[in-house]
PDB file of N, CA and C in Angstrom:
ATOM      1  N   MET A   1      40.100 145.135 106.229  1.00  0.00           N
ATOM      2  CA  MET A   1      39.903 146.320 106.629  1.00  0.00           C
ATOM      3  C   MET A   1      38.335 146.404 107.295  1.00  0.00           C
ATOM      4  N   LYS A   2      37.288 145.917 106.649  1.00  0.00           N
ATOM      5  CA  LYS A   2      36.075 146.038 107.176  1.00  0.00           C
ATOM      6  C   LYS A   2      35.922 145.307 108.474  1.00  0.00           C
ATOM      7  N   ALA A   3      36.510 144.049 108.750  1.00  0.00           N
ATOM      8  CA  ALA A   3      36.541 143.542 109.980  1.00  0.00           C
ATOM      9  C   ALA A   3      37.262 144.325 111.083  1.00  0.00           C
ATOM     10  N   MET A   4      38.387 144.763 110.720  1.00  0.00           N
ATOM     11  CA  MET A   4      39.158 145.722 111.727  1.00  0.00           C
ATOM     12  C   MET A   4      38.324 146.893 112.177  1.00  0.00           C
ATOM     13  N   PHE A   5      37.517 147.606 111.311  1.00  0.00           N
ATOM     14  CA  PHE A   5      36.652 148.634 111.571  1.00  0.00           C
ATOM     15  C   PHE A   5      35.462 148.124 112.582  1.00  0.00           C
ATOM     16  N   GLY A   6      34.918 146.782 112.278  1.00  0.00           N
ATOM     17  CA  GLY A   6      33.902 146.490 112.953  1.00  0.00           C
ATOM     18  C   GLY A   6      34.502 145.890 114.298  1.00  0.00           C
ATOM     19  N   VAL A   7      35.596 145.398 114.565  1.00  0.00           N
ATOM     20  CA  VAL A   7      35.962 145.309 115.837  1.00  0.00           C
ATOM     21  C   VAL A   7      36.146 146.372 116.772  1.00  0.00           C
ATOM     22  N   VAL A   8      37.068 147.448 115.881  1.00  0.00           N
ATOM     23  CA  VAL A   8      37.111 148.863 116.836  1.00  0.00           C
ATOM     24  C   VAL A   8      35.950 149.377 117.273  1.00  0.00           C
ATOM     25  N   SER A   9      34.847 149.166 116.321  1.00  0.00           N
ATOM     26  CA  SER A   9      33.583 150.061 116.645  1.00  0.00           C
ATOM     27  C   SER A   9      33.047 149.417 117.611  1.00  0.00           C
ATOM     28  N   MET A  10      33.198 147.998 117.836  1.00  0.00           N
ATOM     29  CA  MET A  10      32.497 147.226 118.916  1.00  0.00           C
ATOM     30  C   MET A  10      33.219 147.701 120.228  1.00  0.00           C
ATOM     31  N   LEU A  11      34.478 147.826 120.173  1.00  0.00           N
ATOM     32  CA  LEU A  11      35.505 147.877 121.357  1.00  0.00           C
ATOM     33  C   LEU A  11      34.970 149.421 121.935  1.00  0.00           C
ATOM     34  N   VAL A  12      34.863 150.622 121.011  1.00  0.00           N
ATOM     35  CA  VAL A  12      34.520 151.839 121.392  1.00  0.00           C
ATOM     36  C   VAL A  12      33.086 151.710 122.104  1.00  0.00           C
ATOM     37  N   ALA A  13      32.026 151.139 121.434  1.00  0.00           N
ATOM     38  CA  ALA A  13      30.791 150.926 121.979  1.00  0.00           C
ATOM     39  C   ALA A  13      30.747 150.414 123.157  1.00  0.00           C
ATOM     40  N   LEU A  14      31.455 149.326 123.517  1.00  0.00           N
ATOM     41  CA  LEU A  14      31.709 148.709 124.698  1.00  0.00           C
ATOM     42  C   LEU A  14      32.197 149.710 125.824  1.00  0.00           C
ATOM     43  N   ALA A  15      33.210 150.547 125.370  1.00  0.00           N
ATOM     44  CA  ALA A  15      33.963 151.392 126.284  1.00  0.00           C
ATOM     45  C   ALA A  15      32.690 152.469 126.817  1.00  0.00           C
ATOM     46  N   VAL A  16      31.919 152.925 125.703  1.00  0.00           N
ATOM     47  CA  VAL A  16      30.927 154.033 126.228  1.00  0.00           C
ATOM     48  C   VAL A  16      29.829 153.491 127.053  1.00  0.00           C
ATOM     49  N   VAL A  17      29.573 152.332 126.639  1.00  0.00           N
ATOM     50  CA  VAL A  17      28.434 151.576 127.633  1.00  0.00           C
ATOM     51  C   VAL A  17      29.102 151.395 129.219  1.00  0.00           C
ATOM     52  N   GLY A  18      30.383 150.919 129.263  1.00  0.00           N
ATOM     53  CA  GLY A  18      30.942 150.859 130.608  1.00  0.00           C
ATOM     54  C   GLY A  18      31.083 152.085 131.174  1.00  0.00           C
ATOM     55  N   LEU A  19      31.455 153.032 130.666  1.00  0.00           N
ATOM     56  CA  LEU A  19      31.466 154.337 131.169  1.00  0.00           C
ATOM     57  C   LEU A  19      29.980 155.010 131.560  1.00  0.00           C
ATOM     58  N   LEU A  20      28.973 154.730 130.790  1.00  0.00           N
ATOM     59  CA  LEU A  20      27.550 155.108 131.325  1.00  0.00           C
ATOM     60  C   LEU A  20      27.161 154.355 132.417  1.00  0.00           C
ATOM     61  N   MET A  21      27.659 153.039 132.280  1.00  0.00           N
ATOM     62  CA  MET A  21      27.179 152.135 133.640  1.00  0.00           C
ATOM     63  C   MET A  21      27.819 152.480 134.838  1.00  0.00           C
ATOM     64  N   VAL A  22      29.162 152.830 134.984  1.00  0.00           N
ATOM     65  CA  VAL A  22      29.866 153.392 136.022  1.00  0.00           C
ATOM     66  C   VAL A  22      29.139 154.650 136.422  1.00  0.00           C
ATOM     67  N   LYS A  23      28.891 155.665 135.702  1.00  0.00           N
ATOM     68  CA  LYS A  23      28.365 156.827 135.995  1.00  0.00           C
ATOM     69  C   LYS A  23      26.923 156.737 136.758  1.00  0.00           C
ATOM     70  N   GLN A  24      26.124 155.759 136.056  1.00  0.00           N
ATOM     71  CA  GLN A  24      24.977 155.432 136.715  1.00  0.00           C
ATOM     72  C   GLN A  24      24.904 154.828 138.038  1.00  0.00           C
ATOM     73  N   LEU A  25      25.859 153.845 138.213  1.00  0.00           N
ATOM     74  CA  LEU A  25      26.287 153.265 139.524  1.00  0.00           C
ATOM     75  C   LEU A  25      26.596 153.971 140.658  1.00  0.00           C
ATOM     76  N   ARG A  26      27.446 154.947 140.054  1.00  0.00           N
ATOM     77  CA  ARG A  26      27.968 156.071 140.971  1.00  0.00           C
ATOM     78  C   ARG A  26      26.862 157.024 141.435  1.00  0.00           C
ATOM     79  N   ALA A  27      25.770 157.277 140.613  1.00  0.00           N
ATOM     80  CA  ALA A  27      24.615 158.141 140.991  1.00  0.00           C
ATOM     81  C   ALA A  27      23.845 157.583 141.945  1.00  0.00           C
ATOM     82  N   VAL A  28      23.525 156.385 142.006  1.00  0.00           N
ATOM     83  CA  VAL A  28      22.946 155.580 142.948  1.00  0.00           C
ATOM     84  C   VAL A  28      23.672 155.138 144.119  1.00  0.00           C
ATOM     85  N   GLY A  29      24.967 155.284 144.176  1.00  0.00           N
ATOM     86  CA  GLY A  29      25.784 154.820 145.402  1.00  0.00           C
ATOM     87  C   GLY A  29      26.121 153.414 145.287  1.00  0.00           C
ATOM     88  N   HIS A  30      26.204 152.765 144.171  1.00  0.00           N
ATOM     89  CA  HIS A  30      26.798 151.303 144.102  1.00  0.00           C
ATOM     90  C   HIS A  30      27.957 151.303 143.491  1.00  0.00           C
ATOM     91  N   ALA A  31      28.793 152.252 143.110  1.00  0.00           N
ATOM     92  CA  ALA A  31      30.104 151.967 142.529  1.00  0.00           C
ATOM     93  C   ALA A  31      31.355 152.033 143.540  1.00  0.00           C
ATOM     94  N   GLU A  32      31.201 151.426 144.574  1.00  0.00           N
ATOM     95  CA  GLU A  32      32.145 151.326 145.541  1.00  0.00           C
ATOM     96  C   GLU A  32      33.347 150.413 145.284  1.00  0.00           C
ATOM     97  N   PRO A  33      34.553 150.491 145.233  1.00  0.00           N
ATOM     98  CA  PRO A  33      35.573 149.735 144.914  1.00  0.00           C
ATOM     99  C   PRO A  33      35.517 148.295 145.978  1.00  0.00           C
ATOM    100  N   VAL A  34      35.457 147.221 145.417  1.00  0.00           N
ATOM    101  CA  VAL A  34      35.318 146.000 146.021  1.00  0.00           C
ATOM    102  C   VAL A  34      36.471 145.345 146.289  1.00  0.00           C
ATOM    103  N   ASP A  35      36.779 145.068 147.658  1.00  0.00           N
ATOM    104  CA  ASP A  35      38.110 144.080 148.094  1.00  0.00           C
ATOM    105  C   ASP A  35      37.975 143.002 147.471  1.00  0.00           C
ATOM    106  N   ALA A  36      39.115 142.652 147.128  1.00  0.00           N
ATOM    107  CA  ALA A  36      39.312 141.211 146.287  1.00  0.00           C
ATOM    108  C   ALA A  36      38.901 140.102 147.432  1.00  0.00           C
ATOM    109  N   THR A  37      39.382 140.235 148.724  1.00  0.00           N
ATOM    110  CA  THR A  37      39.009 139.448 149.510  1.00  0.00           C
ATOM    111  C   THR A  37      37.502 139.250 149.943  1.00  0.00           C
ATOM    112  N   ALA A  38      37.003 140.421 149.961  1.00  0.00           N
ATOM    113  CA  ALA A  38      35.750 140.198 150.411  1.00  0.00           C
ATOM    114  C   ALA A  38      34.675 139.741 149.144  1.00  0.00           C
ATOM    115  N   ALA A  39      35.282 140.060 147.957  1.00  0.00           N
ATOM    116  CA  ALA A  39      34.383 139.437 146.752  1.00  0.00           C
ATOM    117  C   ALA A  39      34.697 138.038 146.663  1.00  0.00           C
ATOM    118  N   ALA A  40      35.778 137.457 147.048  1.00  0.00           N
ATOM    119  CA  ALA A  40      35.909 135.956 146.767  1.00  0.00           C
ATOM    120  C   ALA A  40      34.727 135.258 147.874  1.00  0.00           C
ATOM    121  N   VAL A  41      34.346 134.034 146.925  1.00  0.00           N
ATOM    122  CA  VAL A  41      33.429 133.161 147.367  1.00  0.00           C
ATOM    123  C   VAL A  41      33.916 132.145 148.487  1.00  0.00           C
ATOM    124  N   ALA A  42      33.448 132.077 149.520  1.00  0.00           N
ATOM    125  CA  ALA A  42      34.179 131.278 150.617  1.00  0.00           C
ATOM    126  C   ALA A  42      33.860 129.774 150.190  1.00  0.00           C
ATOM    127  N   VAL A  43      35.051 129.145 150.191  1.00  0.00           N
ATOM    128  CA  VAL A  43      35.000 127.722 149.624  1.00  0.00           C
ATOM    129  C   VAL A  43      35.169 127.040 151.098  1.00  0.00           C
ATOM    130  N   PRO A  44      34.366 125.776 151.341  1.00  0.00           N
ATOM    131  CA  PRO A  44      34.258 125.210 152.562  1.00  0.00           C
ATOM    132  C   PRO A  44      35.638 124.172 152.387  1.00  0.00           C
ATOM    133  N   ALA A  45      36.079 124.341 153.688  1.00  0.00           N
ATOM    134  CA  ALA A  45      37.405 123.429 153.964  1.00  0.00           C
ATOM    135  C   ALA A  45      37.019 122.036 153.936  1.00  0.00           C
ATOM    136  N   LEU A  46      37.786 121.179 153.293  1.00  0.00           N
ATOM    137  CA  LEU A  46      37.661 119.859 153.367  1.00  0.00           C
ATOM    138  C   LEU A  46      38.857 119.175 153.920  1.00  0.00           C
ATOM    139  N   SER A  47      38.805 118.210 154.520  1.00  0.00           N
ATOM    140  CA  SER A  47      39.977 117.410 155.211  1.00  0.00           C
ATOM    141  C   SER A  47      40.686 116.772 153.938  1.00  0.00           C
ATOM    142  N   GLY A  48      42.108 116.855 154.030  1.00  0.00           N
ATOM    143  CA  GLY A  48      43.007 116.599 152.774  1.00  0.00           C
ATOM    144  C   GLY A  48      43.135 115.297 152.686  1.00  0.00           C
ATOM    145  N   SER A  49      42.554 114.284 153.712  1.00  0.00           N
ATOM    146  CA  SER A  49      42.629 112.913 153.668  1.00  0.00           C
ATOM    147  C   SER A  49      41.534 112.273 152.712  1.00  0.00           C
ATOM    148  N   GLY A  50      41.735 111.165 152.234  1.00  0.00           N
ATOM    149  CA  GLY A  50      40.500 110.350 151.366  1.00  0.00           C
ATOM    150  C   GLY A  50      40.626 110.599 150.188  1.00  0.00           C
ATOM    151  N   ALA A  51      39.891 109.845 149.475  1.00  0.00           N
ATOM    152  CA  ALA A  51      39.638 109.772 147.833  1.00  0.00           C
ATOM    153  C   ALA A  51      39.040 111.188 147.522  1.00  0.00           C
ATOM    154  N   LEU A  52      39.173 111.466 146.193  1.00  0.00           N
ATOM    155  CA  LEU A  52      38.384 112.493 145.717  1.00  0.00           C
ATOM    156  C   LEU A  52      37.047 112.528 145.802  1.00  0.00           C
ATOM    157  N   ARG A  53      36.511 111.015 145.632  1.00  0.00           N
ATOM    158  CA  ARG A  53      34.977 111.024 145.735  1.00  0.00           C
ATOM    159  C   ARG A  53      34.473 111.312 147.326  1.00  0.00           C
ATOM    160  N   ASP A  54      35.155 110.714 148.091  1.00  0.00           N
ATOM    161  CA  ASP A  54      34.894 111.127 149.511  1.00  0.00           C
ATOM    162  C   ASP A  54      34.926 112.628 149.646  1.00  0.00           C
ATOM    163  N   GLN A  55      35.841 113.148 149.408  1.00  0.00           N
ATOM    164  CA  GLN A  55      35.790 114.819 149.609  1.00  0.00           C
ATOM    165  C   GLN A  55      34.793 115.227 148.753  1.00  0.00           C
ATOM    166  N   ALA A  56      34.322 114.882 147.709  1.00  0.00           N
ATOM    167  CA  ALA A  56      33.059 115.454 147.015  1.00  0.00           C
ATOM    168  C   ALA A  56      31.785 115.182 147.682  1.00  0.00           C
ATOM    169  N   MET A  57      31.735 114.003 148.466  1.00  0.00           N
ATOM    170  CA  MET A  57      30.674 113.551 149.116  1.00  0.00           C
ATOM    171  C   MET A  57      30.310 114.478 150.418  1.00  0.00           C
ATOM    172  N   GLN A  58      31.748 114.742 151.061  1.00  0.00           N
ATOM    173  CA  GLN A  58      31.603 115.488 152.126  1.00  0.00           C
ATOM    174  C   GLN A  58      31.178 116.964 151.885  1.00  0.00           C
ATOM    175  N   LEU A  59      31.650 117.543 150.671  1.00  0.00           N
ATOM    176  CA  LEU A  59      31.431 118.687 150.371  1.00  0.00           C
ATOM    177  C   LEU A  59      29.709 118.741 149.895  1.00  0.00           C
ATOM    178  N   GLU A  60      29.343 117.830 149.236  1.00  0.00           N
ATOM    179  CA  GLU A  60      27.796 118.052 149.071  1.00  0.00           C
ATOM    180  C   GLU A  60      27.229 117.783 150.158  1.00  0.00           C
ATOM    181  N   ASN A  61      27.363 116.813 151.183  1.00  0.00           N
ATOM    182  CA  ASN A  61      26.681 116.895 152.436  1.00  0.00           C
ATOM    183  C   ASN A  61      26.683 118.093 153.293  1.00  0.00           C
ATOM    184  N   LYS A  62      27.961 118.841 153.306  1.00  0.00           N
ATOM    185  CA  LYS A  62      27.922 120.114 153.967  1.00  0.00           C
ATOM    186  C   LYS A  62      27.303 121.146 153.260  1.00  0.00           C
ATOM    187  N   VAL A  63      27.135 121.285 152.090  1.00  0.00           N
ATOM    188  CA  VAL A  63      26.407 122.265 151.346  1.00  0.00           C
ATOM    189  C   VAL A  63      24.827 121.767 151.590  1.00  0.00           C
ATOM    190  N   ALA A  64      24.255 120.647 151.452  1.00  0.00           N
ATOM    191  CA  ALA A  64      22.962 120.249 151.798  1.00  0.00           C
ATOM    192  C   ALA A  64      22.679 120.723 153.062  1.00  0.00           C
ATOM    193  N   ALA A  65      23.399 120.461 153.989  1.00  0.00           N
ATOM    194  CA  ALA A  65      23.136 120.664 155.561  1.00  0.00           C
ATOM    195  C   ALA A  65      22.990 122.450 155.665  1.00  0.00           C
ATOM    196  N   ASP A  66      24.000 123.239 155.027  1.00  0.00           N
ATOM    197  CA  ASP A  66      24.055 124.385 155.044  1.00  0.00           C
ATOM    198  C   ASP A  66      22.601 124.914 154.492  1.00  0.00           C
ATOM    199  N   ALA A  67      22.207 124.174 153.273  1.00  0.00           N
ATOM    200  CA  ALA A  67      20.725 124.715 152.680  1.00  0.00           C
ATOM    201  C   ALA A  67      19.675 124.481 153.566  1.00  0.00           C
ATOM    202  N   ALA A  68      19.621 123.410 154.227  1.00  0.00           N
ATOM    203  CA  ALA A  68      18.717 122.899 154.988  1.00  0.00           C
ATOM    204  C   ALA A  68      18.507 123.855 156.350  1.00  0.00           C
ATOM    205  N   LYS A  69      19.581 124.228 156.897  1.00  0.00           N
ATOM    206  CA  LYS A  69      19.797 125.053 158.096  1.00  0.00           C
ATOM    207  C   LYS A  69      19.278 126.593 157.474  1.00  0.00           C
ATOM    208  N   ALA A  70      19.708 127.044 156.402  1.00  0.00           N
ATOM    209  CA  ALA A  70      19.291 128.209 155.856  1.00  0.00           C
ATOM    210  C   ALA A  70      17.812 128.148 155.614  1.00  0.00           C
ATOM    211  N   MET A  71      17.016 127.297 155.198  1.00  0.00           N
ATOM    212  CA  MET A  71      15.783 127.138 154.918  1.00  0.00           C
ATOM    213  C   MET A  71      15.127 127.108 156.286  1.00  0.00           C
ATOM    214  N   ALA A  72      15.449 126.439 157.321  1.00  0.00           N
ATOM    215  CA  ALA A  72      14.770 126.409 158.604  1.00  0.00           C
ATOM    216  C   ALA A  72      14.808 127.736 159.193  1.00  0.00           C
ATOM    217  N   GLN A  73      15.934 128.478 158.985  1.00  0.00           N
ATOM    218  CA  GLN A  73      16.214 129.731 159.698  1.00  0.00           C
ATOM    219  C   GLN A  73      15.065 130.740 158.788  1.00  0.00           C
ATOM    220  N   GLY A  74      14.845 130.578 157.841  1.00  0.00           N
ATOM    221  CA  GLY A  74      13.936 131.466 157.190  1.00  0.00           C
ATOM    222  C   GLY A  74      12.552 131.269 157.413  1.00  0.00           C
ATOM    223  N   GLU A  75      12.383 129.807 157.519  1.00  0.00           N
ATOM    224  CA  GLU A  75      10.640 129.416 158.017  1.00  0.00           C
ATOM    225  C   GLU A  75      10.604 129.887 159.064  1.00  0.00           C
ATOM    226  N   HIS A  76      11.631 129.927 160.228  1.00  0.00           N
ATOM    227  CA  HIS A  76      11.490 130.522 161.556  1.00  0.00           C
ATOM    228  C   HIS A  76      11.449 132.110 161.486  1.00  0.00           C
ATOM    229  N   ASN A  77      11.789 132.823 160.816  1.00  0.00           N
ATOM    230  CA  ASN A  77      11.784 134.211 160.751  1.00  0.00           C
ATOM    231  C   ASN A  77      10.830 134.463 160.118  1.00  0.00           C
ATOM    232  N   ARG A  78      10.208 133.672 159.046  1.00  0.00           N
ATOM    233  CA  ARG A  78       8.654 134.065 158.631  1.00  0.00           C
ATOM    234  C   ARG A  78       7.613 133.866 159.455  1.00  0.00           C
ATOM    235  N   ASP A  79       7.778 132.969 160.399  1.00  0.00           N
ATOM    236  CA  ASP A  79       6.724 132.411 161.224  1.00  0.00           C
ATOM    237  C   ASP A  79       6.747 133.697 162.325  1.00  0.00           C
ATOM    238  N   GLN A  80       7.955 134.244 162.855  1.00  0.00           N
ATOM    239  CA  GLN A  80       8.153 135.275 163.678  1.00  0.00           C
ATOM    240  C   GLN A  80       7.274 136.571 163.129  1.00  0.00           C
ATOM    241  N   ALA A  81       7.656 136.763 161.884  1.00  0.00           N
ATOM    242  CA  ALA A  81       6.937 137.890 161.341  1.00  0.00           C
ATOM    243  C   ALA A  81       5.718 137.856 161.153  1.00  0.00           C
ATOM    244  N   ILE A  82       4.847 136.636 160.995  1.00  0.00           N
ATOM    245  CA  ILE A  82       3.664 136.459 160.869  1.00  0.00           C
ATOM    246  C   ILE A  82       2.823 136.493 162.328  1.00  0.00           C
ATOM    247  N   ASP A  83       3.781 136.110 163.257  1.00  0.00           N
ATOM    248  CA  ASP A  83       3.199 136.168 164.588  1.00  0.00           C
ATOM    249  C   ASP A  83       3.407 137.631 165.089  1.00  0.00           C
ATOM    250  N   LYS A  84       4.274 138.444 164.719  1.00  0.00           N
ATOM    251  CA  LYS A  84       4.419 139.802 165.047  1.00  0.00           C
ATOM    252  C   LYS A  84       3.329 140.397 164.302  1.00  0.00           C
ATOM    253  N   ALA A  85       2.806 140.245 163.190  1.00  0.00           N
ATOM    254  CA  ALA A  85       1.828 141.000 162.307  1.00  0.00           C
ATOM    255  C   ALA A  85       0.770 140.670 162.988  1.00  0.00           C
ATOM    256  N   GLN A  86       0.200 139.644 163.303  1.00  0.00           N
ATOM    257  CA  GLN A  86      -0.956 139.177 163.930  1.00  0.00           C
ATOM    258  C   GLN A  86      -0.993 139.637 165.178  1.00  0.00           C
ATOM    259  N   GLY A  87      -0.125 139.742 166.027  1.00  0.00           N
ATOM    260  CA  GLY A  87      -0.049 140.390 167.319  1.00  0.00           C
ATOM    261  C   GLY A  87      -0.577 142.071 167.351  1.00  0.00           C
ATOM    262  N   GLN A  88      -0.291 142.559 166.433  1.00  0.00           N
ATOM    263  CA  GLN A  88      -0.406 144.038 166.477  1.00  0.00           C
ATOM    264  C   GLN A  88      -1.678 144.387 165.956  1.00  0.00           C
TER     265      GLN A  88
END
């Protein structure tokens, strides 16, 4: 009986916290419904041929290339911002 009361009280507390969280998010404008397709993480497409190890290496190389590209783009944007700030 004691355990049942503990579980029920925890569920009630969780519900109250959830309701307060939703209320706060709506107050700041962040409680918009999220489309399931928009929230899904994009998975890079792999070729269906080859061994699993080859596919894993292909994915690893693609992620590394994407990360390097993002870092280079960030560096370029930072350099442009510095140049713009120094020019003014």
